C-alpha atoms as a PDB file:
ATOM      1  CA  UNK A   1       0.000   0.000   0.000  1.00  0.00           C
ATOM      2  CA  UNK A   2       1.151   3.487  -0.829  1.00  0.00           C
ATOM      3  CA  UNK A   3       1.116   5.925   2.085  1.00  0.00           C
ATOM      4  CA  UNK A   4      -0.280   9.363   1.267  1.00  0.00           C
ATOM      5  CA  UNK A   5      -1.137  12.651   2.913  1.00  0.00           C
ATOM      6  CA  UNK A   6      -3.422  15.453   1.767  1.00  0.00           C
ATOM      7  CA  UNK A   7      -2.977  19.154   2.534  1.00  0.00           C
ATOM      8  CA  UNK A   8      -5.741  21.658   1.768  1.00  0.00           C
ATOM      9  CA  UNK A   9      -7.035  24.650   3.718  1.00  0.00           C
ATOM     10  CA  UNK A  10     -10.618  24.117   2.512  1.00  0.00           C
ATOM     11  CA  UNK A  11     -11.971  21.635   5.036  1.00  0.00           C
ATOM     12  CA  UNK A  12     -14.944  20.523   2.935  1.00  0.00           C
ATOM     13  CA  UNK A  13     -12.745  19.649  -0.052  1.00  0.00           C
ATOM     14  CA  UNK A  14     -10.156  18.029   2.227  1.00  0.00           C
ATOM     15  CA  UNK A  15     -12.746  15.713   3.830  1.00  0.00           C
ATOM     16  CA  UNK A  16     -14.325  14.972   0.445  1.00  0.00           C
ATOM     17  CA  UNK A  17     -11.006  13.962  -1.068  1.00  0.00           C
ATOM     18  CA  UNK A  18     -10.072  11.946   2.005  1.00  0.00           C
ATOM     19  CA  UNK A  19     -13.319   9.967   2.255  1.00  0.00           C
ATOM     20  CA  UNK A  20     -14.966   9.821  -1.191  1.00  0.00           C
ATOM     21  CA  UNK A  21     -12.118   8.594  -3.359  1.00  0.00           C
ATOM     22  CA  UNK A  22     -11.869   4.773  -3.372  1.00  0.00           C
ATOM     23  CA  UNK A  23      -8.240   4.850  -2.224  1.00  0.00           C
ATOM     24  CA  UNK A  24      -7.979   1.091  -1.621  1.00  0.00           C
ATOM     25  CA  UNK A  25      -8.695   0.513  -5.319  1.00  0.00           C
ATOM     26  CA  UNK A  26      -5.459   2.418  -6.022  1.00  0.00           C
ATOM     27  CA  UNK A  27      -3.546   0.566  -3.287  1.00  0.00           C
ATOM     28  CA  UNK A  28      -3.288   3.843  -1.365  1.00  0.00           C
ATOM     29  CA  UNK A  29      -3.904   4.633   2.288  1.00  0.00           C
ATOM     30  CA  UNK A  30      -4.458   8.232   3.388  1.00  0.00           C
ATOM     31  CA  UNK A  31      -2.231   8.356   6.421  1.00  0.00           C
ATOM     32  CA  UNK A  32      -3.162  11.908   7.451  1.00  0.00           C
ATOM     33  CA  UNK A  33      -5.057  14.942   6.162  1.00  0.00           C
ATOM     34  CA  UNK A  34      -3.947  18.448   7.112  1.00  0.00           C
ATOM     35  CA  UNK A  35      -5.660  21.818   6.816  1.00  0.00           C
ATOM     36  CA  UNK A  36      -2.316  23.575   7.340  1.00  0.00           C
ATOM     37  CA  UNK A  37       0.868  23.065   5.366  1.00  0.00           C
ATOM     38  CA  UNK A  38       2.926  23.991   8.440  1.00  0.00           C
ATOM     39  CA  UNK A  39       1.340  21.123  10.406  1.00  0.00           C
ATOM     40  CA  UNK A  40       2.087  18.803   7.486  1.00  0.00           C
ATOM     41  CA  UNK A  41       5.738  19.956   7.388  1.00  0.00           C
ATOM     42  CA  UNK A  42       6.111  19.315  11.114  1.00  0.00           C
ATOM     43  CA  UNK A  43       4.605  15.846  10.656  1.00  0.00           C
ATOM     44  CA  UNK A  44       6.833  14.994   7.680  1.00  0.00           C
ATOM     45  CA  UNK A  45      10.007  15.963   9.514  1.00  0.00           C
ATOM     46  CA  UNK A  46       9.258  13.183  11.991  1.00  0.00           C
ATOM     47  CA  UNK A  47       7.567  10.814   9.497  1.00  0.00           C
ATOM     48  CA  UNK A  48       9.298  11.052   6.100  1.00  0.00           C
ATOM     49  CA  UNK A  49       8.100   7.647   4.808  1.00  0.00           C
ATOM     50  CA  UNK A  50       5.336   9.037   2.598  1.00  0.00           C
ATOM     51  CA  UNK A  51       4.890   7.884  -0.988  1.00  0.00           C
ATOM     52  CA  UNK A  52       2.380  10.453  -2.290  1.00  0.00           C
ATOM     53  CA  UNK A  53       1.693  14.063  -1.267  1.00  0.00           C
ATOM     54  CA  UNK A  54      -1.391  15.936  -2.444  1.00  0.00           C
ATOM     55  CA  UNK A  55      -1.130  19.651  -1.711  1.00  0.00           C
ATOM     56  CA  UNK A  56      -3.228  22.665  -2.531  1.00  0.00           C
ATOM     57  CA  UNK A  57      -1.222  25.460  -4.135  1.00  0.00           C
ATOM     58  CA  UNK A  58      -2.995  28.523  -2.723  1.00  0.00           C
ATOM     59  CA  UNK A  59      -3.272  28.406   1.065  1.00  0.00           C
ATOM     60  CA  UNK A  60      -2.851  30.980   3.824  1.00  0.00           C
ATOM     61  CA  UNK A  61       0.423  30.947   5.709  1.00  0.00           C
ATOM     62  CA  UNK A  62       2.806  28.543   3.976  1.00  0.00           C
ATOM     63  CA  UNK A  63       1.328  28.082   0.486  1.00  0.00           C
ATOM     64  CA  UNK A  64       1.731  24.914  -1.584  1.00  0.00           C
ATOM     65  CA  UNK A  65       4.784  26.152  -3.484  1.00  0.00           C
ATOM     66  CA  UNK A  66       6.577  27.142  -0.271  1.00  0.00           C
ATOM     67  CA  UNK A  67       5.497  23.818   1.251  1.00  0.00           C
ATOM     68  CA  UNK A  68       7.079  21.830  -1.590  1.00  0.00           C
ATOM     69  CA  UNK A  69      10.280  23.868  -1.366  1.00  0.00           C
ATOM     70  CA  UNK A  70      10.457  23.333   2.418  1.00  0.00           C
ATOM     71  CA  UNK A  71      10.003  19.552   2.280  1.00  0.00           C
ATOM     72  CA  UNK A  72      12.840  17.552   3.822  1.00  0.00           C
ATOM     73  CA  UNK A  73      15.168  16.062   1.195  1.00  0.00           C
ATOM     74  CA  UNK A  74      14.245  12.529   2.314  1.00  0.00           C
ATOM     75  CA  UNK A  75      10.611  13.238   1.463  1.00  0.00           C
ATOM     76  CA  UNK A  76      11.377  14.944  -1.869  1.00  0.00           C
ATOM     77  CA  UNK A  77      13.524  12.029  -3.004  1.00  0.00           C
ATOM     78  CA  UNK A  78      10.866   9.464  -2.157  1.00  0.00           C
ATOM     79  CA  UNK A  79       7.441  11.036  -2.621  1.00  0.00           C
ATOM     80  CA  UNK A  80       5.390  11.665  -5.713  1.00  0.00           C
ATOM     81  CA  UNK A  81       4.146  15.248  -5.225  1.00  0.00           C
ATOM     82  CA  UNK A  82       0.823  16.291  -6.735  1.00  0.00           C
ATOM     83  CA  UNK A  83      -0.168  19.970  -6.566  1.00  0.00           C
ATOM     84  CA  UNK A  84      -3.889  20.733  -6.630  1.00  0.00           C
ATOM     85  CA  UNK A  85      -5.511  24.007  -7.572  1.00  0.00           C
ATOM     86  CA  UNK A  86      -8.901  25.362  -8.483  1.00  0.00           C
ATOM     87  CA  UNK A  87      -7.239  28.245 -10.292  1.00  0.00           C
ATOM     88  CA  UNK A  88      -6.274  28.361 -13.960  1.00  0.00           C
ATOM     89  CA  UNK A  89      -2.952  30.099 -13.489  1.00  0.00           C
ATOM     90  CA  UNK A  90      -0.180  28.428 -15.439  1.00  0.00           C
ATOM     91  CA  UNK A  91       2.428  30.443 -13.517  1.00  0.00           C
ATOM     92  CA  UNK A  92       1.425  28.562 -10.338  1.00  0.00           C
ATOM     93  CA  UNK A  93       1.632  25.217 -12.100  1.00  0.00           C
ATOM     94  CA  UNK A  94       5.077  26.071 -13.451  1.00  0.00           C
ATOM     95  CA  UNK A  95       6.249  27.133  -9.976  1.00  0.00           C
ATOM     96  CA  UNK A  96       4.981  23.848  -8.540  1.00  0.00           C
ATOM     97  CA  UNK A  97       6.960  21.878 -11.140  1.00  0.00           C
ATOM     98  CA  UNK A  98      10.091  23.921 -10.502  1.00  0.00           C
ATOM     99  CA  UNK A  99       9.696  23.327  -6.748  1.00  0.00           C
ATOM    100  CA  UNK A 100       9.527  19.559  -7.271  1.00  0.00           C
ATOM    101  CA  UNK A 101       5.904  18.608  -7.976  1.00  0.00           C
ATOM    102  CA  UNK A 102       5.442  15.645 -10.278  1.00  0.00           C
ATOM    103  CA  UNK A 103       1.964  16.446 -11.489  1.00  0.00           C
END
């Protein structure tokens, strides 16, 4: 099973993504869901064995781009990083790729 975490400041979307996607079908377990990228960073420093990270790009405080840049090297080397956004701003997508997002 792949271990994954989700980070999104919109609680409704976060819970929807966490509970309504048939994760087991994709051999994935959502280990944790965070509404704050800073909480996720603190968690990942102590628990770097994550295979997939889903992160929103636009969030208050540490946004998704800053979050990806701040990830510990051990996490960046191991995890598949997926940046999510409801905005159609290619500049944000490009920044996410440059920071290390895979998709």
